[in-house]
Amino acid sequence: MMIKTEGMPLHEQMFEVLRANYFLNDAADFSRRMGRSRTYLSTLRYNGHTPSTDAYANLLNYLRECYGETEDADLRNCLEHYIKLVEEEVA
């Protein structure tokens, strides 16, 4: 599924992709996957901040888990793209 994410911060792009592909229900799920409280994404949005390195590392593990669960080639390519971007953030 193609989603317009141009101009969005990396974490917002991943949230939209994961939600659109039914890996998440809502922002609270995304926040929990980053190992944070239910309101973490809302707080990031409100303050205009980006996730911490630790939150990105937790999200990277979840992206890898999602990658392993899908057999759809296009979705795997999409997830692989975000995995590489998050690896750069964590490095």
C-alpha atoms as a PDB file:
ATOM      1  CA  MET A   1       0.000   0.000   0.000  1.00  0.00           C
ATOM      2  CA  MET A   2       1.457   3.350  -1.033  1.00  0.00           C
ATOM      3  CA  ILE A   3       1.192   6.174   1.454  1.00  0.00           C
ATOM      4  CA  LYS A   4       2.170   9.806   0.979  1.00  0.00           C
ATOM      5  CA  THR A   5       4.816  10.444   3.597  1.00  0.00           C
ATOM      6  CA  GLU A   6       6.845  13.095   1.800  1.00  0.00           C
ATOM      7  CA  GLY A   7       7.971  15.862   4.119  1.00  0.00           C
ATOM      8  CA  MET A   8       7.029  13.976   7.278  1.00  0.00           C
ATOM      9  CA  PRO A   9       9.557  13.198  10.024  1.00  0.00           C
ATOM     10  CA  LEU A  10      10.908   9.640   9.905  1.00  0.00           C
ATOM     11  CA  HIS A  11       8.946   8.439  12.926  1.00  0.00           C
ATOM     12  CA  GLU A  12       5.696   9.822  11.473  1.00  0.00           C
ATOM     13  CA  GLN A  13       6.392   8.097   8.151  1.00  0.00           C
ATOM     14  CA  MET A  14       6.901   4.779   9.895  1.00  0.00           C
ATOM     15  CA  PHE A  15       3.776   5.256  11.994  1.00  0.00           C
ATOM     16  CA  GLU A  16       1.675   5.811   8.866  1.00  0.00           C
ATOM     17  CA  VAL A  17       3.182   2.835   7.024  1.00  0.00           C
ATOM     18  CA  LEU A  18       2.834   0.452   9.970  1.00  0.00           C
ATOM     19  CA  ARG A  19      -0.709   1.584  10.720  1.00  0.00           C
ATOM     20  CA  ALA A  20      -1.811   1.386   7.079  1.00  0.00           C
ATOM     21  CA  ASN A  21      -0.464  -2.154   6.872  1.00  0.00           C
ATOM     22  CA  TYR A  22      -2.234  -3.253  10.066  1.00  0.00           C
ATOM     23  CA  PHE A  23       0.873  -3.718  12.193  1.00  0.00           C
ATOM     24  CA  LEU A  24      -0.505  -1.068  14.596  1.00  0.00           C
ATOM     25  CA  ASN A  25      -3.929   0.052  15.750  1.00  0.00           C
ATOM     26  CA  ASP A  26      -3.106   3.585  16.848  1.00  0.00           C
ATOM     27  CA  ALA A  27      -0.512   6.023  18.190  1.00  0.00           C
ATOM     28  CA  ALA A  28      -0.574   4.312  21.595  1.00  0.00           C
ATOM     29  CA  ASP A  29       0.517   1.021  19.967  1.00  0.00           C
ATOM     30  CA  PHE A  30       3.325   2.832  18.172  1.00  0.00           C
ATOM     31  CA  SER A  31       4.464   4.471  21.404  1.00  0.00           C
ATOM     32  CA  ARG A  32       4.476   1.107  23.170  1.00  0.00           C
ATOM     33  CA  ARG A  33       6.515  -0.449  20.336  1.00  0.00           C
ATOM     34  CA  MET A  34       9.090   2.266  20.982  1.00  0.00           C
ATOM     35  CA  GLY A  35       9.170   1.104  24.607  1.00  0.00           C
ATOM     36  CA  ARG A  36       7.532   4.255  25.882  1.00  0.00           C
ATOM     37  CA  SER A  37       4.260   5.340  27.451  1.00  0.00           C
ATOM     38  CA  ARG A  38       1.020   5.414  25.462  1.00  0.00           C
ATOM     39  CA  THR A  39       1.301   9.188  25.043  1.00  0.00           C
ATOM     40  CA  TYR A  40       4.892   9.308  23.766  1.00  0.00           C
ATOM     41  CA  LEU A  41       3.991   9.958  20.119  1.00  0.00           C
ATOM     42  CA  SER A  42       1.469  12.616  21.116  1.00  0.00           C
ATOM     43  CA  THR A  43       4.105  14.316  23.238  1.00  0.00           C
ATOM     44  CA  LEU A  44       6.621  14.222  20.389  1.00  0.00           C
ATOM     45  CA  ARG A  45       4.073  15.786  18.069  1.00  0.00           C
ATOM     46  CA  TYR A  46       3.088  18.489  20.545  1.00  0.00           C
ATOM     47  CA  ASN A  47       6.692  19.470  21.310  1.00  0.00           C
ATOM     48  CA  GLY A  48       8.004  19.018  17.757  1.00  0.00           C
ATOM     49  CA  HIS A  49      10.657  16.552  18.884  1.00  0.00           C
ATOM     50  CA  THR A  50      11.978  13.300  17.453  1.00  0.00           C
ATOM     51  CA  PRO A  51      12.227   9.967  19.293  1.00  0.00           C
ATOM     52  CA  SER A  52      15.232   9.180  21.447  1.00  0.00           C
ATOM     53  CA  THR A  53      17.908   6.812  20.188  1.00  0.00           C
ATOM     54  CA  ASP A  54      16.630   4.146  22.585  1.00  0.00           C
ATOM     55  CA  ALA A  55      13.082   4.540  21.253  1.00  0.00           C
ATOM     56  CA  TYR A  56      14.380   4.180  17.695  1.00  0.00           C
ATOM     57  CA  ALA A  57      16.329   1.057  18.719  1.00  0.00           C
ATOM     58  CA  ASN A  58      13.137  -0.503  20.114  1.00  0.00           C
ATOM     59  CA  LEU A  59      11.277   0.458  16.962  1.00  0.00           C
ATOM     60  CA  LEU A  60      14.030  -1.099  14.851  1.00  0.00           C
ATOM     61  CA  ASN A  61      13.456  -4.431  16.593  1.00  0.00           C
ATOM     62  CA  TYR A  62       9.737  -4.167  15.862  1.00  0.00           C
ATOM     63  CA  LEU A  63      10.353  -3.302  12.201  1.00  0.00           C
ATOM     64  CA  ARG A  64      12.526  -6.403  11.897  1.00  0.00           C
ATOM     65  CA  GLU A  65       9.771  -8.456  13.505  1.00  0.00           C
ATOM     66  CA  CYS A  66       7.216  -7.083  11.016  1.00  0.00           C
ATOM     67  CA  TYR A  67       9.614  -7.796   8.156  1.00  0.00           C
ATOM     68  CA  GLY A  68       9.830 -11.424   9.246  1.00  0.00           C
ATOM     69  CA  GLU A  69       6.045 -11.760   9.471  1.00  0.00           C
ATOM     70  CA  THR A  70       5.175 -10.651   5.952  1.00  0.00           C
ATOM     71  CA  GLU A  71       5.653 -12.425   2.674  1.00  0.00           C
ATOM     72  CA  ASP A  72       4.458  -9.504   0.521  1.00  0.00           C
ATOM     73  CA  ALA A  73       7.471  -8.411  -1.565  1.00  0.00           C
ATOM     74  CA  ASP A  74       6.445  -4.751  -1.828  1.00  0.00           C
ATOM     75  CA  LEU A  75       5.822  -4.469   1.890  1.00  0.00           C
ATOM     76  CA  ARG A  76       9.119  -6.208   2.635  1.00  0.00           C
ATOM     77  CA  ASN A  77      10.914  -3.673   0.418  1.00  0.00           C
ATOM     78  CA  CYS A  78       9.171  -0.829   2.216  1.00  0.00           C
ATOM     79  CA  LEU A  79      10.042  -2.218   5.649  1.00  0.00           C
ATOM     80  CA  GLU A  80      13.624  -2.829   4.536  1.00  0.00           C
ATOM     81  CA  HIS A  81      13.863   0.832   3.505  1.00  0.00           C
ATOM     82  CA  TYR A  82      12.749   1.989   6.952  1.00  0.00           C
ATOM     83  CA  ILE A  83      14.964  -0.523   8.705  1.00  0.00           C
ATOM     84  CA  LYS A  84      17.980   0.997   6.944  1.00  0.00           C
ATOM     85  CA  LEU A  85      16.911   4.537   7.839  1.00  0.00           C
ATOM     86  CA  VAL A  86      16.405   3.645  11.497  1.00  0.00           C
ATOM     87  CA  GLU A  87      19.742   1.821  11.599  1.00  0.00           C
ATOM     88  CA  GLU A  88      21.354   5.108  10.536  1.00  0.00           C
ATOM     89  CA  GLU A  89      19.516   6.934  13.346  1.00  0.00           C
ATOM     90  CA  VAL A  90      20.628   4.395  15.926  1.00  0.00           C
ATOM     91  CA  ALA A  91      24.254   4.219  14.769  1.00  0.00           C
END
